[in-house]
Amino acid sequence: QVRVVESGGGEVQPGGSLRLSCTASGLTFHYYAMKWYRQPPGKEREYVAGVTSDGGRKSYAESVKGRFTISRDNVRKTVSLQMNSLELEDTAGYYCKAEEISTTNECWGQGAQVTVSS
């Protein structure tokens, strides 16, 4: 069974940092592009960052560029999101998504809450 599980959410003050991790199981990890999405309270889910299956290319939403860094470890089957200089607007549920290349197969995690408050 394909699963992805997020961890590392929490509450932090503006300007602080958090690191989210997503661990995959039941899949051939290096066949999957990995992405992070978030859903702020009362809003639609939005794309945050993504990394290709081999880790060679990364992309970011404009709102997080320069503050967030996505990385993956194909041995440990993990993808991480390092979030620095957090802002109140970064408060959201953060979701990990695995997308199998050349197919429509995908798997979402259950989400991790990130709250930025003063």
Protein backbone atom coordinates (compact mmCIF):
# COMPACT_ATOMS: atom_id res chain seq x y z
CA GLN A 1 0.00 0.00 0.00
CA VAL A 2 1.38 3.38 -1.05
CA ARG A 3 1.56 5.85 1.81
CA VAL A 4 3.13 9.21 2.49
CA VAL A 5 3.17 10.58 6.02
CA GLU A 6 4.06 14.13 7.02
CA SER A 7 5.73 15.15 10.26
CA GLY A 8 7.31 18.20 11.82
CA GLY A 9 4.48 20.71 11.92
CA GLY A 10 3.93 23.01 14.85
CA GLU A 11 3.62 26.59 16.02
CA VAL A 12 6.26 29.25 15.56
CA GLN A 13 6.57 33.02 15.80
CA PRO A 14 6.94 35.19 12.70
CA GLY A 15 10.49 35.04 11.42
CA GLY A 16 11.01 31.57 12.80
CA SER A 17 11.77 28.29 11.07
CA LEU A 18 10.23 24.85 10.81
CA ARG A 19 11.15 21.75 8.89
CA LEU A 20 8.53 19.40 7.51
CA SER A 21 9.33 15.85 6.49
CA CYS A 22 7.38 13.37 4.42
CA THR A 23 8.20 9.67 4.51
CA ALA A 24 6.99 7.36 1.76
CA SER A 25 6.37 3.64 1.87
CA GLY A 26 4.99 0.99 -0.44
CA LEU A 27 6.41 2.59 -3.57
CA THR A 28 9.56 2.81 -5.67
CA PHE A 29 10.44 6.25 -4.43
CA HIS A 30 12.73 7.30 -7.28
CA TYR A 31 9.83 6.83 -9.72
CA TYR A 32 7.93 9.64 -8.04
CA ALA A 33 8.08 13.39 -8.22
CA MET A 34 7.32 14.84 -4.79
CA LYS A 35 5.40 18.02 -4.08
CA TRP A 36 4.24 20.08 -1.12
CA TYR A 37 0.90 21.86 -1.08
CA ARG A 38 -0.79 23.89 1.62
CA GLN A 39 -4.30 24.91 2.50
CA PRO A 40 -4.70 28.08 4.58
CA PRO A 41 -7.83 28.36 6.74
CA GLY A 42 -10.88 29.00 4.57
CA LYS A 43 -8.91 28.92 1.32
CA GLU A 44 -8.17 26.56 -1.54
CA ARG A 45 -5.24 24.19 -1.49
CA GLU A 46 -2.23 25.69 -3.25
CA TYR A 47 1.08 24.49 -4.62
CA VAL A 48 4.15 25.28 -2.51
CA ALA A 49 7.14 23.40 -3.92
CA GLY A 50 8.12 20.37 -5.94
CA VAL A 51 11.15 18.24 -6.80
CA THR A 52 11.62 15.84 -9.69
CA SER A 53 12.09 12.12 -9.15
CA ASP A 54 15.88 12.37 -9.40
CA GLY A 55 16.09 15.56 -7.38
CA GLY A 56 17.55 17.42 -10.31
CA ARG A 57 14.93 20.13 -10.60
CA LYS A 58 13.02 22.05 -7.97
CA SER A 59 10.27 24.61 -8.24
CA TYR A 60 8.61 26.98 -5.81
CA ALA A 61 5.55 29.15 -5.56
CA GLU A 62 6.44 32.83 -5.77
CA SER A 63 5.15 33.39 -2.26
CA VAL A 64 7.77 31.08 -0.72
CA LYS A 65 10.70 31.51 -3.11
CA GLY A 66 13.88 32.37 -1.24
CA ARG A 67 12.39 31.28 2.12
CA PHE A 68 11.51 27.61 1.62
CA THR A 69 13.77 24.83 0.39
CA ILE A 70 12.63 21.41 -0.79
CA SER A 71 14.97 18.43 -0.74
CA ARG A 72 14.69 14.67 -1.08
CA ASP A 73 16.62 11.60 -0.02
CA ASN A 74 15.96 8.68 -2.35
CA VAL A 75 17.66 6.24 0.00
CA ARG A 76 15.55 7.14 3.02
CA LYS A 77 12.47 7.76 0.84
CA THR A 78 11.90 11.16 2.36
CA VAL A 79 11.21 14.65 1.12
CA SER A 80 11.66 17.68 3.34
CA LEU A 81 10.55 21.26 3.31
CA GLN A 82 12.76 23.68 5.21
CA MET A 83 10.75 26.80 5.95
CA ASN A 84 12.59 29.93 7.07
CA SER A 85 11.47 33.49 7.71
CA LEU A 86 7.96 32.26 8.33
CA GLU A 87 5.13 34.76 8.00
CA LEU A 88 1.62 34.83 9.39
CA GLU A 89 0.35 34.04 5.89
CA ASP A 90 2.23 30.72 5.93
CA THR A 91 -0.23 29.35 8.46
CA ALA A 92 -1.86 26.34 6.80
CA GLY A 93 -2.20 22.61 6.66
CA TYR A 94 0.75 21.32 4.65
CA TYR A 95 0.33 18.25 2.48
CA CYS A 96 2.85 15.99 0.80
CA LYS A 97 1.99 14.46 -2.56
CA ALA A 98 3.74 11.71 -4.48
CA GLU A 99 3.23 11.65 -8.27
CA GLU A 100 4.40 8.65 -10.23
CA ILE A 101 6.16 9.76 -13.39
CA SER A 102 4.53 8.93 -16.75
CA THR A 103 1.30 7.86 -15.01
CA THR A 104 -1.64 9.46 -13.27
CA ASN A 105 -0.94 7.64 -10.01
CA GLU A 106 -0.64 9.90 -7.00
CA CYS A 107 -0.84 9.71 -3.23
CA TRP A 108 -1.56 12.43 -0.68
CA GLY A 109 -0.52 12.52 2.93
CA GLN A 110 -2.86 13.37 5.78
CA GLY A 111 -1.31 16.78 6.34
CA ALA A 112 0.69 18.59 9.02
CA GLN A 113 -0.41 21.85 10.62
CA VAL A 114 1.89 24.85 10.59
CA THR A 115 0.80 27.84 12.63
CA VAL A 116 2.69 31.12 12.59
CA SER A 117 1.51 33.44 15.31
CA SER A 118 2.85 36.16 17.56
